[in-house]
Amino acid sequence: MSPLSFQLGSTLYTIPPLGYIVPNVLDAKCVVQISHISENNDLVILGDTFMRNFYTTFNFREETIGMAVNASANYSGIEIGGKLSFSVVLVICTLVLIAILTTLYCAIKHFKKRII
């Protein structure tokens, strides 16, 4: 299985397979401990799967949440990615746009050749 990555704000969080599966539960080979709620696309619940991989602090007075990699986890691969600067996001978006436009141009050119 692959690592699971998700983004909160501009920060990327990665959990390795050992961080989100539990082996040998109810005679199954493994159980993935992640699910979604189909009724609400804007709702995200970060439960015990998240909490056992990341140390989380809640500061109610300042209304902030802090997160760090759980150093007590007995597996590696838990990561918190840094925030991307605006210029990096702009470069990535520009490259993706160029790739899309190039692909579209080539597809149109190929389609016109097939018609003629």
PDB file of N, CA and C in Angstrom:
ATOM      1  N   MET A   1       0.837  -1.176   0.000  1.00  0.00           N
ATOM      2  CA  MET A   1       0.000   0.000   0.000  1.00  0.00           C
ATOM      3  C   MET A   1       0.885   1.244   0.000  1.00  0.00           C
ATOM      4  N   SER A   2       0.329   2.325  -0.463  1.00  0.00           N
ATOM      5  CA  SER A   2       1.067   3.580  -0.575  1.00  0.00           C
ATOM      6  C   SER A   2       0.842   4.463   0.649  1.00  0.00           C
ATOM      7  N   PRO A   3       1.768   5.403   0.879  1.00  0.00           N
ATOM      8  CA  PRO A   3       1.530   6.377   1.942  1.00  0.00           C
ATOM      9  C   PRO A   3       0.289   7.212   1.620  1.00  0.00           C
ATOM     10  N   LEU A   4      -0.383   7.678   2.637  1.00  0.00           N
ATOM     11  CA  LEU A   4      -1.563   8.520   2.492  1.00  0.00           C
ATOM     12  C   LEU A   4      -1.152   9.952   2.796  1.00  0.00           C
ATOM     13  N   SER A   5      -1.412  10.849   1.865  1.00  0.00           N
ATOM     14  CA  SER A   5      -1.096  12.262   2.072  1.00  0.00           C
ATOM     15  C   SER A   5      -2.370  13.078   1.945  1.00  0.00           C
ATOM     16  N   PHE A   6      -2.519  14.061   2.795  1.00  0.00           N
ATOM     17  CA  PHE A   6      -3.638  14.979   2.704  1.00  0.00           C
ATOM     18  C   PHE A   6      -3.170  16.356   3.123  1.00  0.00           C
ATOM     19  N   GLN A   7      -3.913  17.358   2.690  1.00  0.00           N
ATOM     20  CA  GLN A   7      -3.500  18.730   2.901  1.00  0.00           C
ATOM     21  C   GLN A   7      -4.517  19.459   3.764  1.00  0.00           C
ATOM     22  N   LEU A   8      -4.019  20.132   4.783  1.00  0.00           N
ATOM     23  CA  LEU A   8      -4.819  21.030   5.606  1.00  0.00           C
ATOM     24  C   LEU A   8      -4.225  22.413   5.428  1.00  0.00           C
ATOM     25  N   GLY A   9      -4.987  23.311   4.868  1.00  0.00           N
ATOM     26  CA  GLY A   9      -4.431  24.613   4.538  1.00  0.00           C
ATOM     27  C   GLY A   9      -3.378  24.433   3.472  1.00  0.00           C
ATOM     28  N   SER A  10      -2.182  24.902   3.729  1.00  0.00           N
ATOM     29  CA  SER A  10      -1.098  24.734   2.756  1.00  0.00           C
ATOM     30  C   SER A  10      -0.052  23.738   3.251  1.00  0.00           C
ATOM     31  N   THR A  11      -0.390  22.961   4.282  1.00  0.00           N
ATOM     32  CA  THR A  11       0.550  21.996   4.845  1.00  0.00           C
ATOM     33  C   THR A  11       0.141  20.581   4.459  1.00  0.00           C
ATOM     34  N   LEU A  12       1.108  19.787   4.002  1.00  0.00           N
ATOM     35  CA  LEU A  12       0.868  18.417   3.577  1.00  0.00           C
ATOM     36  C   LEU A  12       1.253  17.458   4.697  1.00  0.00           C
ATOM     37  N   TYR A  13       0.354  16.535   5.035  1.00  0.00           N
ATOM     38  CA  TYR A  13       0.571  15.537   6.075  1.00  0.00           C
ATOM     39  C   TYR A  13       0.609  14.163   5.406  1.00  0.00           C
ATOM     40  N   THR A  14       1.618  13.354   5.735  1.00  0.00           N
ATOM     41  CA  THR A  14       1.772  12.034   5.134  1.00  0.00           C
ATOM     42  C   THR A  14       1.820  10.971   6.227  1.00  0.00           C
ATOM     43  N   ILE A  15       1.016   9.920   6.015  1.00  0.00           N
ATOM     44  CA  ILE A  15       0.973   8.791   6.946  1.00  0.00           C
ATOM     45  C   ILE A  15       1.346   7.536   6.172  1.00  0.00           C
ATOM     46  N   PRO A  16       2.349   6.775   6.631  1.00  0.00           N
ATOM     47  CA  PRO A  16       2.723   5.535   5.940  1.00  0.00           C
ATOM     48  C   PRO A  16       1.648   4.462   6.157  1.00  0.00           C
ATOM     49  N   PRO A  17       1.647   3.399   5.346  1.00  0.00           N
ATOM     50  CA  PRO A  17       0.630   2.347   5.492  1.00  0.00           C
ATOM     51  C   PRO A  17       0.523   1.784   6.911  1.00  0.00           C
ATOM     52  N   LEU A  18       1.636   1.604   7.591  1.00  0.00           N
ATOM     53  CA  LEU A  18       1.571   1.089   8.959  1.00  0.00           C
ATOM     54  C   LEU A  18       0.853   2.047   9.904  1.00  0.00           C
ATOM     55  N   GLY A  19       0.707   3.284   9.504  1.00  0.00           N
ATOM     56  CA  GLY A  19       0.031   4.275  10.331  1.00  0.00           C
ATOM     57  C   GLY A  19      -1.466   4.309  10.149  1.00  0.00           C
ATOM     58  N   TYR A  20      -1.993   3.663   9.076  1.00  0.00           N
ATOM     59  CA  TYR A  20      -3.443   3.695   8.882  1.00  0.00           C
ATOM     60  C   TYR A  20      -4.087   2.321   8.672  1.00  0.00           C
ATOM     61  N   ILE A  21      -3.330   1.247   8.829  1.00  0.00           N
ATOM     62  CA  ILE A  21      -3.929  -0.087   8.776  1.00  0.00           C
ATOM     63  C   ILE A  21      -3.663  -0.814  10.089  1.00  0.00           C
ATOM     64  N   VAL A  22      -4.517  -1.762  10.389  1.00  0.00           N
ATOM     65  CA  VAL A  22      -4.332  -2.614  11.553  1.00  0.00           C
ATOM     66  C   VAL A  22      -4.358  -4.044  11.031  1.00  0.00           C
ATOM     67  N   PRO A  23      -3.271  -4.796  11.220  1.00  0.00           N
ATOM     68  CA  PRO A  23      -3.244  -6.170  10.707  1.00  0.00           C
ATOM     69  C   PRO A  23      -4.061  -7.136  11.560  1.00  0.00           C
ATOM     70  N   ASN A  24      -4.574  -8.158  10.902  1.00  0.00           N
ATOM     71  CA  ASN A  24      -5.236  -9.295  11.566  1.00  0.00           C
ATOM     72  C   ASN A  24      -6.372  -8.912  12.503  1.00  0.00           C
ATOM     73  N   VAL A  25      -7.308  -8.128  12.031  1.00  0.00           N
ATOM     74  CA  VAL A  25      -8.502  -7.797  12.805  1.00  0.00           C
ATOM     75  C   VAL A  25      -9.656  -8.626  12.257  1.00  0.00           C
ATOM     76  N   LEU A  26     -10.321  -9.365  13.098  1.00  0.00           N
ATOM     77  CA  LEU A  26     -11.465 -10.193  12.709  1.00  0.00           C
ATOM     78  C   LEU A  26     -11.128 -11.130  11.553  1.00  0.00           C
ATOM     79  N   ASP A  27      -9.976 -11.753  11.611  1.00  0.00           N
ATOM     80  CA  ASP A  27      -9.498 -12.697  10.598  1.00  0.00           C
ATOM     81  C   ASP A  27      -9.291 -12.081   9.213  1.00  0.00           C
ATOM     82  N   ALA A  28      -9.250 -10.764   9.119  1.00  0.00           N
ATOM     83  CA  ALA A  28      -8.942 -10.102   7.849  1.00  0.00           C
ATOM     84  C   ALA A  28      -7.440  -9.886   7.789  1.00  0.00           C
ATOM     85  N   LYS A  29      -6.901  -9.781   6.585  1.00  0.00           N
ATOM     86  CA  LYS A  29      -5.458  -9.546   6.461  1.00  0.00           C
ATOM     87  C   LYS A  29      -5.080  -8.183   7.020  1.00  0.00           C
ATOM     88  N   CYS A  30      -5.896  -7.160   6.713  1.00  0.00           N
ATOM     89  CA  CYS A  30      -5.666  -5.837   7.288  1.00  0.00           C
ATOM     90  C   CYS A  30      -6.953  -5.034   7.196  1.00  0.00           C
ATOM     91  N   VAL A  31      -7.076  -4.061   8.056  1.00  0.00           N
ATOM     92  CA  VAL A  31      -8.239  -3.188   8.067  1.00  0.00           C
ATOM     93  C   VAL A  31      -7.738  -1.759   7.928  1.00  0.00           C
ATOM     94  N   VAL A  32      -8.238  -1.046   6.927  1.00  0.00           N
ATOM     95  CA  VAL A  32      -7.887   0.350   6.741  1.00  0.00           C
ATOM     96  C   VAL A  32      -8.760   1.168   7.675  1.00  0.00           C
ATOM     97  N   GLN A  33      -8.139   1.988   8.486  1.00  0.00           N
ATOM     98  CA  GLN A  33      -8.873   2.743   9.492  1.00  0.00           C
ATOM     99  C   GLN A  33      -9.165   4.178   9.056  1.00  0.00           C
ATOM    100  N   ILE A  34      -9.619   4.331   7.819  1.00  0.00           N
ATOM    101  CA  ILE A  34      -9.965   5.644   7.289  1.00  0.00           C
ATOM    102  C   ILE A  34     -11.264   5.489   6.514  1.00  0.00           C
ATOM    103  N   SER A  35     -12.164   6.436   6.664  1.00  0.00           N
ATOM    104  CA  SER A  35     -13.400   6.416   5.897  1.00  0.00           C
ATOM    105  C   SER A  35     -13.803   7.855   5.603  1.00  0.00           C
ATOM    106  N   HIS A  36     -14.859   8.000   4.832  1.00  0.00           N
ATOM    107  CA  HIS A  36     -15.339   9.341   4.495  1.00  0.00           C
ATOM    108  C   HIS A  36     -16.820   9.452   4.849  1.00  0.00           C
ATOM    109  N   ILE A  37     -17.293  10.677   4.860  1.00  0.00           N
ATOM    110  CA  ILE A  37     -18.698  10.944   5.110  1.00  0.00           C
ATOM    111  C   ILE A  37     -19.264  11.502   3.815  1.00  0.00           C
ATOM    112  N   SER A  38     -20.113  10.747   3.164  1.00  0.00           N
ATOM    113  CA  SER A  38     -20.591  11.149   1.839  1.00  0.00           C
ATOM    114  C   SER A  38     -21.604  12.286   1.887  1.00  0.00           C
ATOM    115  N   GLU A  39     -22.259  12.511   3.011  1.00  0.00           N
ATOM    116  CA  GLU A  39     -23.301  13.537   3.085  1.00  0.00           C
ATOM    117  C   GLU A  39     -22.746  14.956   3.066  1.00  0.00           C
ATOM    118  N   ASN A  40     -21.487  15.143   3.472  1.00  0.00           N
ATOM    119  CA  ASN A  40     -20.951  16.491   3.591  1.00  0.00           C
ATOM    120  C   ASN A  40     -19.521  16.521   3.062  1.00  0.00           C
ATOM    121  N   ASN A  41     -19.330  17.175   1.915  1.00  0.00           N
ATOM    122  CA  ASN A  41     -17.994  17.243   1.309  1.00  0.00           C
ATOM    123  C   ASN A  41     -17.055  18.190   2.047  1.00  0.00           C
ATOM    124  N   ASP A  42     -17.599  19.087   2.860  1.00  0.00           N
ATOM    125  CA  ASP A  42     -16.762  20.069   3.557  1.00  0.00           C
ATOM    126  C   ASP A  42     -16.330  19.605   4.944  1.00  0.00           C
ATOM    127  N   LEU A  43     -16.795  18.453   5.378  1.00  0.00           N
ATOM    128  CA  LEU A  43     -16.507  17.979   6.722  1.00  0.00           C
ATOM    129  C   LEU A  43     -15.371  16.968   6.703  1.00  0.00           C
ATOM    130  N   VAL A  44     -14.386  17.195   7.553  1.00  0.00           N
ATOM    131  CA  VAL A  44     -13.272  16.270   7.706  1.00  0.00           C
ATOM    132  C   VAL A  44     -13.152  15.944   9.184  1.00  0.00           C
ATOM    133  N   ILE A  45     -13.136  14.664   9.506  1.00  0.00           N
ATOM    134  CA  ILE A  45     -12.948  14.238  10.893  1.00  0.00           C
ATOM    135  C   ILE A  45     -11.593  13.557  10.988  1.00  0.00           C
ATOM    136  N   LEU A  46     -10.715  14.123  11.784  1.00  0.00           N
ATOM    137  CA  LEU A  46      -9.402  13.542  12.004  1.00  0.00           C
ATOM    138  C   LEU A  46      -9.461  12.799  13.332  1.00  0.00           C
ATOM    139  N   GLY A  47      -9.633  11.499  13.258  1.00  0.00           N
ATOM    140  CA  GLY A  47      -9.826  10.698  14.454  1.00  0.00           C
ATOM    141  C   GLY A  47      -8.543  10.088  14.971  1.00  0.00           C
ATOM    142  N   ASP A  48      -8.684   8.895  15.564  1.00  0.00           N
ATOM    143  CA  ASP A  48      -7.542   8.258  16.213  1.00  0.00           C
ATOM    144  C   ASP A  48      -6.443   7.872  15.236  1.00  0.00           C
ATOM    145  N   THR A  49      -6.789   7.608  13.967  1.00  0.00           N
ATOM    146  CA  THR A  49      -5.746   7.308  12.971  1.00  0.00           C
ATOM    147  C   THR A  49      -4.804   8.492  12.826  1.00  0.00           C
ATOM    148  N   PHE A  50      -5.366   9.686  12.772  1.00  0.00           N
ATOM    149  CA  PHE A  50      -4.550  10.898  12.689  1.00  0.00           C
ATOM    150  C   PHE A  50      -3.812  11.132  14.005  1.00  0.00           C
ATOM    151  N   MET A  51      -4.532  10.986  15.112  1.00  0.00           N
ATOM    152  CA  MET A  51      -3.967  11.305  16.422  1.00  0.00           C
ATOM    153  C   MET A  51      -2.808  10.393  16.819  1.00  0.00           C
ATOM    154  N   ARG A  52      -2.789   9.160  16.342  1.00  0.00           N
ATOM    155  CA  ARG A  52      -1.670   8.298  16.726  1.00  0.00           C
ATOM    156  C   ARG A  52      -0.431   8.558  15.866  1.00  0.00           C
ATOM    157  N   ASN A  53      -0.579   9.298  14.775  1.00  0.00           N
ATOM    158  CA  ASN A  53       0.554   9.633  13.919  1.00  0.00           C
ATOM    159  C   ASN A  53       1.108  11.030  14.176  1.00  0.00           C
ATOM    160  N   PHE A  54       0.255  11.920  14.640  1.00  0.00           N
ATOM    161  CA  PHE A  54       0.669  13.302  14.877  1.00  0.00           C
ATOM    162  C   PHE A  54       0.295  13.708  16.296  1.00  0.00           C
ATOM    163  N   TYR A  55       1.233  14.358  16.950  1.00  0.00           N
ATOM    164  CA  TYR A  55       0.975  14.914  18.275  1.00  0.00           C
ATOM    165  C   TYR A  55       0.235  16.222  18.053  1.00  0.00           C
ATOM    166  N   THR A  56      -0.909  16.375  18.665  1.00  0.00           N
ATOM    167  CA  THR A  56      -1.759  17.527  18.412  1.00  0.00           C
ATOM    168  C   THR A  56      -2.011  18.289  19.705  1.00  0.00           C
ATOM    169  N   THR A  57      -1.888  19.603  19.640  1.00  0.00           N
ATOM    170  CA  THR A  57      -2.187  20.449  20.796  1.00  0.00           C
ATOM    171  C   THR A  57      -3.297  21.431  20.420  1.00  0.00           C
ATOM    172  N   PHE A  58      -4.165  21.700  21.378  1.00  0.00           N
ATOM    173  CA  PHE A  58      -5.275  22.625  21.160  1.00  0.00           C
ATOM    174  C   PHE A  58      -5.144  23.773  22.141  1.00  0.00           C
ATOM    175  N   ASN A  59      -4.993  24.989  21.604  1.00  0.00           N
ATOM    176  CA  ASN A  59      -4.887  26.174  22.440  1.00  0.00           C
ATOM    177  C   ASN A  59      -6.192  26.957  22.285  1.00  0.00           C
ATOM    178  N   PHE A  60      -7.102  26.755  23.226  1.00  0.00           N
ATOM    179  CA  PHE A  60      -8.412  27.384  23.127  1.00  0.00           C
ATOM    180  C   PHE A  60      -8.339  28.892  23.320  1.00  0.00           C
ATOM    181  N   ARG A  61      -7.424  29.347  24.167  1.00  0.00           N
ATOM    182  CA  ARG A  61      -7.299  30.776  24.411  1.00  0.00           C
ATOM    183  C   ARG A  61      -6.859  31.519  23.156  1.00  0.00           C
ATOM    184  N   GLU A  62      -5.887  30.960  22.436  1.00  0.00           N
ATOM    185  CA  GLU A  62      -5.374  31.593  21.209  1.00  0.00           C
ATOM    186  C   GLU A  62      -6.111  31.115  19.953  1.00  0.00           C
ATOM    187  N   GLU A  63      -7.000  30.117  20.131  1.00  0.00           N
ATOM    188  CA  GLU A  63      -7.750  29.521  19.024  1.00  0.00           C
ATOM    189  C   GLU A  63      -6.826  28.982  17.927  1.00  0.00           C
ATOM    190  N   THR A  64      -5.826  28.204  18.363  1.00  0.00           N
ATOM    191  CA  THR A  64      -4.883  27.605  17.420  1.00  0.00           C
ATOM    192  C   THR A  64      -4.759  26.106  17.695  1.00  0.00           C
ATOM    193  N   ILE A  65      -4.297  25.405  16.677  1.00  0.00           N
ATOM    194  CA  ILE A  65      -4.003  23.979  16.784  1.00  0.00           C
ATOM    195  C   ILE A  65      -2.565  23.787  16.330  1.00  0.00           C
ATOM    196  N   GLY A  66      -1.779  23.056  17.111  1.00  0.00           N
ATOM    197  CA  GLY A  66      -0.401  22.758  16.737  1.00  0.00           C
ATOM    198  C   GLY A  66      -0.256  21.267  16.454  1.00  0.00           C
ATOM    199  N   MET A  67       0.580  20.928  15.494  1.00  0.00           N
ATOM    200  CA  MET A  67       0.788  19.518  15.151  1.00  0.00           C
ATOM    201  C   MET A  67       2.261  19.232  14.946  1.00  0.00           C
ATOM    202  N   ALA A  68       2.671  18.041  15.375  1.00  0.00           N
ATOM    203  CA  ALA A  68       4.042  17.579  15.176  1.00  0.00           C
ATOM    204  C   ALA A  68       3.987  16.078  14.944  1.00  0.00           C
ATOM    205  N   VAL A  69       5.046  15.534  14.361  1.00  0.00           N
ATOM    206  CA  VAL A  69       5.127  14.095  14.141  1.00  0.00           C
ATOM    207  C   VAL A  69       5.220  13.394  15.481  1.00  0.00           C
ATOM    208  N   ASN A  70       4.480  12.303  15.642  1.00  0.00           N
ATOM    209  CA  ASN A  70       4.513  11.524  16.871  1.00  0.00           C
ATOM    210  C   ASN A  70       5.824  10.748  16.931  1.00  0.00           C
ATOM    211  N   ALA A  71       6.722  11.180  17.798  1.00  0.00           N
ATOM    212  CA  ALA A  71       8.034  10.541  17.920  1.00  0.00           C
ATOM    213  C   ALA A  71       7.937   9.160  18.551  1.00  0.00           C
ATOM    214  N   SER A  72       6.819   8.834  19.185  1.00  0.00           N
ATOM    215  CA  SER A  72       6.643   7.529  19.824  1.00  0.00           C
ATOM    216  C   SER A  72       6.144   6.452  18.869  1.00  0.00           C
ATOM    217  N   ALA A  73       5.801   6.814  17.654  1.00  0.00           N
ATOM    218  CA  ALA A  73       5.315   5.815  16.688  1.00  0.00           C
ATOM    219  C   ALA A  73       6.436   4.820  16.400  1.00  0.00           C
ATOM    220  N   ASN A  74       6.073   3.533  16.288  1.00  0.00           N
ATOM    221  CA  ASN A  74       7.094   2.502  16.076  1.00  0.00           C
ATOM    222  C   ASN A  74       7.293   2.171  14.603  1.00  0.00           C
ATOM    223  N   TYR A  75       7.079   3.133  13.725  1.00  0.00           N
ATOM    224  CA  TYR A  75       7.311   2.999  12.291  1.00  0.00           C
ATOM    225  C   TYR A  75       7.753   4.353  11.755  1.00  0.00           C
ATOM    226  N   SER A  76       8.359   4.356  10.582  1.00  0.00           N
ATOM    227  CA  SER A  76       8.851   5.610  10.013  1.00  0.00           C
ATOM    228  C   SER A  76       7.987   6.021   8.831  1.00  0.00           C
ATOM    229  N   GLY A  77       8.173   7.220   8.369  1.00  0.00           N
ATOM    230  CA  GLY A  77       7.476   7.705   7.189  1.00  0.00           C
ATOM    231  C   GLY A  77       6.413   8.742   7.478  1.00  0.00           C
ATOM    232  N   ILE A  78       6.198   9.072   8.760  1.00  0.00           N
ATOM    233  CA  ILE A  78       5.239  10.120   9.102  1.00  0.00           C
ATOM    234  C   ILE A  78       5.916  11.453   8.794  1.00  0.00           C
ATOM    235  N   GLU A  79       5.239  12.303   8.028  1.00  0.00           N
ATOM    236  CA  GLU A  79       5.869  13.569   7.631  1.00  0.00           C
ATOM    237  C   GLU A  79       4.873  14.710   7.653  1.00  0.00           C
ATOM    238  N   ILE A  80       5.391  15.887   7.953  1.00  0.00           N
ATOM    239  CA  ILE A  80       4.646  17.126   7.795  1.00  0.00           C
ATOM    240  C   ILE A  80       5.430  17.968   6.809  1.00  0.00           C
ATOM    241  N   GLY A  81       4.829  18.246   5.662  1.00  0.00           N
ATOM    242  CA  GLY A  81       5.501  19.036   4.629  1.00  0.00           C
ATOM    243  C   GLY A  81       5.387  20.514   4.939  1.00  0.00           C
ATOM    244  N   GLY A  82       6.385  21.250   4.492  1.00  0.00           N
ATOM    245  CA  GLY A  82       6.381  22.688   4.710  1.00  0.00           C
ATOM    246  C   GLY A  82       5.369  23.391   3.848  1.00  0.00           C
ATOM    247  N   LYS A  83       5.101  24.602   4.209  1.00  0.00           N
ATOM    248  CA  LYS A  83       4.173  25.411   3.429  1.00  0.00           C
ATOM    249  C   LYS A  83       4.840  25.850   2.137  1.00  0.00           C
ATOM    250  N   LEU A  84       4.072  25.863   1.065  1.00  0.00           N
ATOM    251  CA  LEU A  84       4.592  26.318  -0.223  1.00  0.00           C
ATOM    252  C   LEU A  84       4.439  27.827  -0.314  1.00  0.00           C
ATOM    253  N   SER A  85       5.479  28.490  -0.792  1.00  0.00           N
ATOM    254  CA  SER A  85       5.393  29.929  -0.975  1.00  0.00           C
ATOM    255  C   SER A  85       4.528  30.234  -2.196  1.00  0.00           C
ATOM    256  N   PHE A  86       4.049  31.460  -2.280  1.00  0.00           N
ATOM    257  CA  PHE A  86       3.206  31.861  -3.400  1.00  0.00           C
ATOM    258  C   PHE A  86       3.941  31.697  -4.715  1.00  0.00           C
ATOM    259  N   SER A  87       5.221  32.033  -4.763  1.00  0.00           N
ATOM    260  CA  SER A  87       5.972  31.926  -6.020  1.00  0.00           C
ATOM    261  C   SER A  87       6.107  30.472  -6.471  1.00  0.00           C
ATOM    262  N   VAL A  88       6.278  29.545  -5.531  1.00  0.00           N
ATOM    263  CA  VAL A  88       6.369  28.126  -5.882  1.00  0.00           C
ATOM    264  C   VAL A  88       5.024  27.642  -6.424  1.00  0.00           C
ATOM    265  N   VAL A  89       3.929  28.025  -5.765  1.00  0.00           N
ATOM    266  CA  VAL A  89       2.595  27.650  -6.240  1.00  0.00           C
ATOM    267  C   VAL A  89       2.353  28.232  -7.628  1.00  0.00           C
ATOM    268  N   LEU A  90       2.764  29.469  -7.856  1.00  0.00           N
ATOM    269  CA  LEU A  90       2.591  30.111  -9.155  1.00  0.00           C
ATOM    270  C   LEU A  90       3.367  29.371 -10.238  1.00  0.00           C
ATOM    271  N   VAL A  91       4.601  28.972  -9.964  1.00  0.00           N
ATOM    272  CA  VAL A  91       5.409  28.225 -10.934  1.00  0.00           C
ATOM    273  C   VAL A  91       4.763  26.878 -11.236  1.00  0.00           C
ATOM    274  N   ILE A  92       4.297  26.173 -10.209  1.00  0.00           N
ATOM    275  CA  ILE A  92       3.656  24.873 -10.412  1.00  0.00           C
ATOM    276  C   ILE A  92       2.393  25.033 -11.262  1.00  0.00           C
ATOM    277  N   CYS A  93       1.571  26.025 -10.950  1.00  0.00           N
ATOM    278  CA  CYS A  93       0.345  26.255 -11.716  1.00  0.00           C
ATOM    279  C   CYS A  93       0.663  26.617 -13.168  1.00  0.00           C
ATOM    280  N   THR A  94       1.691  27.416 -13.371  1.00  0.00           N
ATOM    281  CA  THR A  94       2.096  27.787 -14.731  1.00  0.00           C
ATOM    282  C   THR A  94       2.543  26.565 -15.510  1.00  0.00           C
ATOM    283  N   LEU A  95       3.341  25.694 -14.890  1.00  0.00           N
ATOM    284  CA  LEU A  95       3.801  24.490 -15.579  1.00  0.00           C
ATOM    285  C   LEU A  95       2.642  23.552 -15.904  1.00  0.00           C
ATOM    286  N   VAL A  96       1.703  23.420 -14.995  1.00  0.00           N
ATOM    287  CA  VAL A  96       0.532  22.581 -15.256  1.00  0.00           C
ATOM    288  C   VAL A  96      -0.293  23.160 -16.394  1.00  0.00           C
ATOM    289  N   LEU A  97      -0.488  24.476 -16.406  1.00  0.00           N
ATOM    290  CA  LEU A  97      -1.232  25.125 -17.478  1.00  0.00           C
ATOM    291  C   LEU A  97      -0.545  24.940 -18.820  1.00  0.00           C
ATOM    292  N   ILE A  98       0.774  25.083 -18.867  1.00  0.00           N
ATOM    293  CA  ILE A  98       1.522  24.869 -20.115  1.00  0.00           C
ATOM    294  C   ILE A  98       1.359  23.426 -20.583  1.00  0.00           C
ATOM    295  N   ALA A  99       1.424  22.472 -19.654  1.00  0.00           N
ATOM    296  CA  ALA A  99       1.260  21.059 -20.024  1.00  0.00           C
ATOM    297  C   ALA A  99      -0.132  20.791 -20.582  1.00  0.00           C
ATOM    298  N   ILE A 100      -1.157  21.378 -19.978  1.00  0.00           N
ATOM    299  CA  ILE A 100      -2.527  21.196 -20.457  1.00  0.00           C
ATOM    300  C   ILE A 100      -2.706  21.810 -21.837  1.00  0.00           C
ATOM    301  N   LEU A 101      -2.219  23.032 -22.013  1.00  0.00           N
ATOM    302  CA  LEU A 101      -2.352  23.701 -23.306  1.00  0.00           C
ATOM    303  C   LEU A 101      -1.586  22.965 -24.398  1.00  0.00           C
ATOM    304  N   THR A 102      -0.396  22.463 -24.086  1.00  0.00           N
ATOM    305  CA  THR A 102       0.394  21.706 -25.063  1.00  0.00           C
ATOM    306  C   THR A 102      -0.338  20.430 -25.457  1.00  0.00           C
ATOM    307  N   THR A 103      -0.884  19.730 -24.486  1.00  0.00           N
ATOM    308  CA  THR A 103      -1.633  18.504 -24.762  1.00  0.00           C
ATOM    309  C   THR A 103      -2.858  18.807 -25.606  1.00  0.00           C
ATOM    310  N   LEU A 104      -3.570  19.862 -25.277  1.00  0.00           N
ATOM    311  CA  LEU A 104      -4.744  20.259 -26.044  1.00  0.00           C
ATOM    312  C   LEU A 104      -4.365  20.623 -27.477  1.00  0.00           C
ATOM    313  N   TYR A 105      -3.295  21.373 -27.659  1.00  0.00           N
ATOM    314  CA  TYR A 105      -2.828  21.752 -28.994  1.00  0.00           C
ATOM    315  C   TYR A 105      -2.486  20.513 -29.816  1.00  0.00           C
ATOM    316  N   CYS A 106      -1.753  19.591 -29.230  1.00  0.00           N
ATOM    317  CA  CYS A 106      -1.365  18.367 -29.946  1.00  0.00           C
ATOM    318  C   CYS A 106      -2.588  17.519 -30.294  1.00  0.00           C
ATOM    319  N   ALA A 107      -3.558  17.452 -29.386  1.00  0.00           N
ATOM    320  CA  ALA A 107      -4.766  16.670 -29.646  1.00  0.00           C
ATOM    321  C   ALA A 107      -5.567  17.278 -30.792  1.00  0.00           C
ATOM    322  N   ILE A 108      -5.700  18.594 -30.814  1.00  0.00           N
ATOM    323  CA  ILE A 108      -6.425  19.263 -31.902  1.00  0.00           C
ATOM    324  C   ILE A 108      -5.698  19.070 -33.221  1.00  0.00           C
ATOM    325  N   LYS A 109      -4.387  19.221 -33.209  1.00  0.00           N
ATOM    326  CA  LYS A 109      -3.593  19.039 -34.418  1.00  0.00           C
ATOM    327  C   LYS A 109      -3.747  17.610 -34.945  1.00  0.00           C
ATOM    328  N   HIS A 110      -3.693  16.631 -34.055  1.00  0.00           N
ATOM    329  CA  HIS A 110      -3.849  15.223 -34.445  1.00  0.00           C
ATOM    330  C   HIS A 110      -5.267  14.975 -34.976  1.00  0.00           C
ATOM    331  N   PHE A 111      -6.269  15.556 -34.353  1.00  0.00           N
ATOM    332  CA  PHE A 111      -7.657  15.377 -34.793  1.00  0.00           C
ATOM    333  C   PHE A 111      -7.861  15.968 -36.176  1.00  0.00           C
ATOM    334  N   LYS A 112      -7.277  17.150 -36.446  1.00  0.00           N
ATOM    335  CA  LYS A 112      -7.407  17.786 -37.770  1.00  0.00           C
ATOM    336  C   LYS A 112      -6.757  16.939 -38.850  1.00  0.00           C
ATOM    337  N   LYS A 113      -5.617  16.286 -38.556  1.00  0.00           N
ATOM    338  CA  LYS A 113      -4.954  15.424 -39.518  1.00  0.00           C
ATOM    339  C   LYS A 113      -5.828  14.226 -39.872  1.00  0.00           C
ATOM    340  N   ARG A 114      -6.555  13.707 -38.902  1.00  0.00           N
ATOM    341  CA  ARG A 114      -7.406  12.540 -39.146  1.00  0.00           C
ATOM    342  C   ARG A 114      -8.598  12.900 -40.010  1.00  0.00           C
ATOM    343  N   ILE A 115      -9.070  14.135 -39.933  1.00  0.00           N
ATOM    344  CA  ILE A 115     -10.219  14.567 -40.728  1.00  0.00           C
ATOM    345  C   ILE A 115      -9.816  14.758 -42.175  1.00  0.00           C
ATOM    346  N   ILE A 116      -8.613  15.301 -42.413  1.00  0.00           N
ATOM    347  CA  ILE A 116      -8.151  15.591 -43.777  1.00  0.00           C
ATOM    348  C   ILE A 116      -7.715  14.374 -44.458  1.00  0.00           C
TER     349      ILE A 116
END
